[in-house]
């Protein structure tokens, strides 16, 4: 399956449940995941690695 297909389907599903509000579902989930890990006291370098960053300061 092409990655754009997943992004498109997620957007359609979420838009249908948010009264047509346009959102960036997958990118938002990435931020929620990172924030949740940091709030759980997971070290920054571990969160960065999990997100695919070489160093904790990169975006």
N, C-alpha and C. Protein backbone atom coordinates (compact mmCIF):
# COMPACT_ATOMS: atom_id res chain seq x y z
N UNK A 1 0.85 -1.17 0.00
CA UNK A 1 0.00 0.00 0.00
C UNK A 1 0.90 1.24 0.00
N UNK A 2 0.54 2.21 -0.77
CA UNK A 2 1.30 3.46 -0.86
C UNK A 2 1.04 4.30 0.40
N UNK A 3 2.07 4.93 0.98
CA UNK A 3 1.89 5.74 2.20
C UNK A 3 0.85 6.86 2.06
N UNK A 4 0.74 7.43 0.87
CA UNK A 4 -0.25 8.49 0.67
C UNK A 4 -1.68 7.96 0.83
N UNK A 5 -1.88 6.69 0.54
CA UNK A 5 -3.20 6.08 0.70
C UNK A 5 -3.61 6.08 2.17
N UNK A 6 -2.67 5.73 3.03
CA UNK A 6 -2.95 5.71 4.47
C UNK A 6 -3.26 7.12 4.96
N UNK A 7 -2.47 8.10 4.55
CA UNK A 7 -2.70 9.49 4.95
C UNK A 7 -4.07 9.96 4.48
N UNK A 8 -4.41 9.65 3.24
CA UNK A 8 -5.70 10.06 2.69
C UNK A 8 -6.86 9.43 3.46
N UNK A 9 -6.77 8.13 3.72
CA UNK A 9 -7.85 7.45 4.43
C UNK A 9 -8.01 7.95 5.86
N UNK A 10 -6.89 8.22 6.54
CA UNK A 10 -6.96 8.77 7.90
C UNK A 10 -7.64 10.13 7.88
N UNK A 11 -7.29 10.97 6.92
CA UNK A 11 -7.89 12.30 6.81
C UNK A 11 -9.40 12.20 6.58
N UNK A 12 -9.81 11.29 5.71
CA UNK A 12 -11.24 11.10 5.43
C UNK A 12 -11.97 10.64 6.69
N UNK A 13 -11.40 9.67 7.40
CA UNK A 13 -12.04 9.16 8.61
C UNK A 13 -12.16 10.24 9.69
N UNK A 14 -11.09 10.96 9.91
CA UNK A 14 -11.11 11.97 10.96
C UNK A 14 -12.00 13.15 10.57
N UNK A 15 -11.95 13.55 9.31
CA UNK A 15 -12.80 14.65 8.85
C UNK A 15 -14.27 14.29 9.05
N UNK A 16 -14.62 13.05 8.81
CA UNK A 16 -16.00 12.60 8.99
C UNK A 16 -16.45 12.64 10.43
N UNK A 17 -15.52 12.52 11.36
CA UNK A 17 -15.85 12.54 12.79
C UNK A 17 -15.65 13.91 13.43
N UNK A 18 -15.12 14.87 12.68
CA UNK A 18 -14.87 16.21 13.22
C UNK A 18 -15.71 17.26 12.51
N UNK A 19 -16.91 16.89 12.09
CA UNK A 19 -17.82 17.82 11.41
C UNK A 19 -17.16 18.52 10.22
N UNK A 20 -16.35 17.80 9.47
CA UNK A 20 -15.75 18.35 8.27
C UNK A 20 -14.52 19.20 8.49
N UNK A 21 -14.07 19.32 9.75
CA UNK A 21 -12.88 20.12 10.04
C UNK A 21 -11.65 19.48 9.41
N UNK A 22 -10.84 20.28 8.74
CA UNK A 22 -9.64 19.77 8.08
C UNK A 22 -8.52 19.63 9.11
N UNK A 23 -7.87 18.48 9.13
CA UNK A 23 -6.81 18.21 10.10
C UNK A 23 -5.63 17.51 9.43
N UNK A 24 -4.49 17.47 10.12
CA UNK A 24 -3.34 16.69 9.69
C UNK A 24 -3.22 15.53 10.67
N UNK A 25 -3.97 14.46 10.45
CA UNK A 25 -4.07 13.41 11.46
C UNK A 25 -2.77 12.68 11.78
N UNK A 26 -2.02 12.27 10.79
CA UNK A 26 -0.84 11.46 11.08
C UNK A 26 0.27 12.28 11.72
N UNK A 27 0.47 13.49 11.25
CA UNK A 27 1.51 14.33 11.83
C UNK A 27 1.13 14.70 13.27
N UNK A 28 -0.15 14.95 13.49
CA UNK A 28 -0.62 15.26 14.84
C UNK A 28 -0.42 14.10 15.80
N UNK A 29 -0.64 12.90 15.32
CA UNK A 29 -0.43 11.71 16.15
C UNK A 29 1.04 11.56 16.52
N UNK A 30 1.91 11.94 15.61
CA UNK A 30 3.35 11.88 15.88
C UNK A 30 3.70 12.81 17.04
N UNK A 31 3.11 14.02 17.04
CA UNK A 31 3.35 14.97 18.13
C UNK A 31 2.77 14.47 19.46
N UNK A 32 1.57 13.91 19.40
CA UNK A 32 0.95 13.36 20.61
C UNK A 32 1.81 12.23 21.18
N UNK A 33 2.32 11.38 20.31
CA UNK A 33 3.16 10.27 20.74
C UNK A 33 4.42 10.80 21.44
N UNK A 34 5.09 11.77 20.82
CA UNK A 34 6.31 12.33 21.41
C UNK A 34 6.01 13.00 22.75
N UNK A 35 4.96 13.77 22.82
CA UNK A 35 4.59 14.46 24.06
C UNK A 35 4.27 13.47 25.16
N UNK A 36 3.52 12.42 24.83
CA UNK A 36 3.16 11.41 25.82
C UNK A 36 4.41 10.72 26.37
N UNK A 37 5.34 10.40 25.49
CA UNK A 37 6.58 9.77 25.95
C UNK A 37 7.36 10.70 26.88
N UNK A 38 7.45 11.98 26.51
CA UNK A 38 8.19 12.93 27.35
C UNK A 38 7.51 13.12 28.70
N UNK A 39 6.19 13.18 28.72
CA UNK A 39 5.45 13.30 29.99
C UNK A 39 5.62 12.07 30.87
N UNK A 40 5.90 10.93 30.23
CA UNK A 40 6.13 9.69 30.97
C UNK A 40 7.60 9.56 31.40
N UNK A 41 8.36 10.64 31.25
CA UNK A 41 9.76 10.72 31.67
C UNK A 41 10.69 9.82 30.85
N UNK A 42 10.31 9.54 29.61
CA UNK A 42 11.21 8.82 28.72
C UNK A 42 12.30 9.81 28.31
N UNK A 43 13.56 9.42 28.39
CA UNK A 43 14.65 10.34 28.05
C UNK A 43 14.51 10.91 26.63
N UNK A 44 14.89 12.18 26.48
CA UNK A 44 14.75 12.87 25.20
C UNK A 44 15.47 12.12 24.08
N UNK A 45 16.65 11.59 24.35
CA UNK A 45 17.37 10.89 23.28
C UNK A 45 16.64 9.64 22.82
N UNK A 46 15.90 9.00 23.71
CA UNK A 46 15.11 7.82 23.33
C UNK A 46 13.92 8.23 22.46
N UNK A 47 13.26 9.33 22.86
CA UNK A 47 12.12 9.83 22.07
C UNK A 47 12.61 10.25 20.68
N UNK A 48 13.73 10.96 20.63
CA UNK A 48 14.29 11.40 19.34
C UNK A 48 14.59 10.20 18.45
N UNK A 49 15.19 9.17 19.01
CA UNK A 49 15.50 7.97 18.23
C UNK A 49 14.23 7.29 17.73
N UNK A 50 13.23 7.26 18.58
CA UNK A 50 11.97 6.62 18.20
C UNK A 50 11.28 7.35 17.05
N UNK A 51 11.48 8.68 17.01
CA UNK A 51 10.89 9.48 15.93
C UNK A 51 11.77 9.49 14.68
N UNK A 52 12.93 8.84 14.78
CA UNK A 52 13.81 8.75 13.62
C UNK A 52 14.79 9.88 13.51
N UNK A 53 15.00 10.63 14.58
CA UNK A 53 15.95 11.74 14.57
C UNK A 53 17.31 11.24 15.04
N UNK A 54 18.35 11.72 14.38
CA UNK A 54 19.72 11.32 14.76
C UNK A 54 20.14 11.96 16.06
N UNK A 55 19.69 13.20 16.30
CA UNK A 55 20.03 13.86 17.56
C UNK A 55 18.79 14.54 18.12
N UNK A 56 18.71 14.68 19.45
CA UNK A 56 17.50 15.21 20.09
C UNK A 56 17.13 16.63 19.67
N UNK A 57 18.07 17.39 19.16
CA UNK A 57 17.78 18.77 18.77
C UNK A 57 17.20 18.92 17.37
N UNK A 58 17.22 17.85 16.58
CA UNK A 58 16.72 17.95 15.20
C UNK A 58 15.21 17.83 15.17
N UNK A 59 14.61 18.30 14.07
CA UNK A 59 13.15 18.26 13.95
C UNK A 59 12.72 17.29 12.90
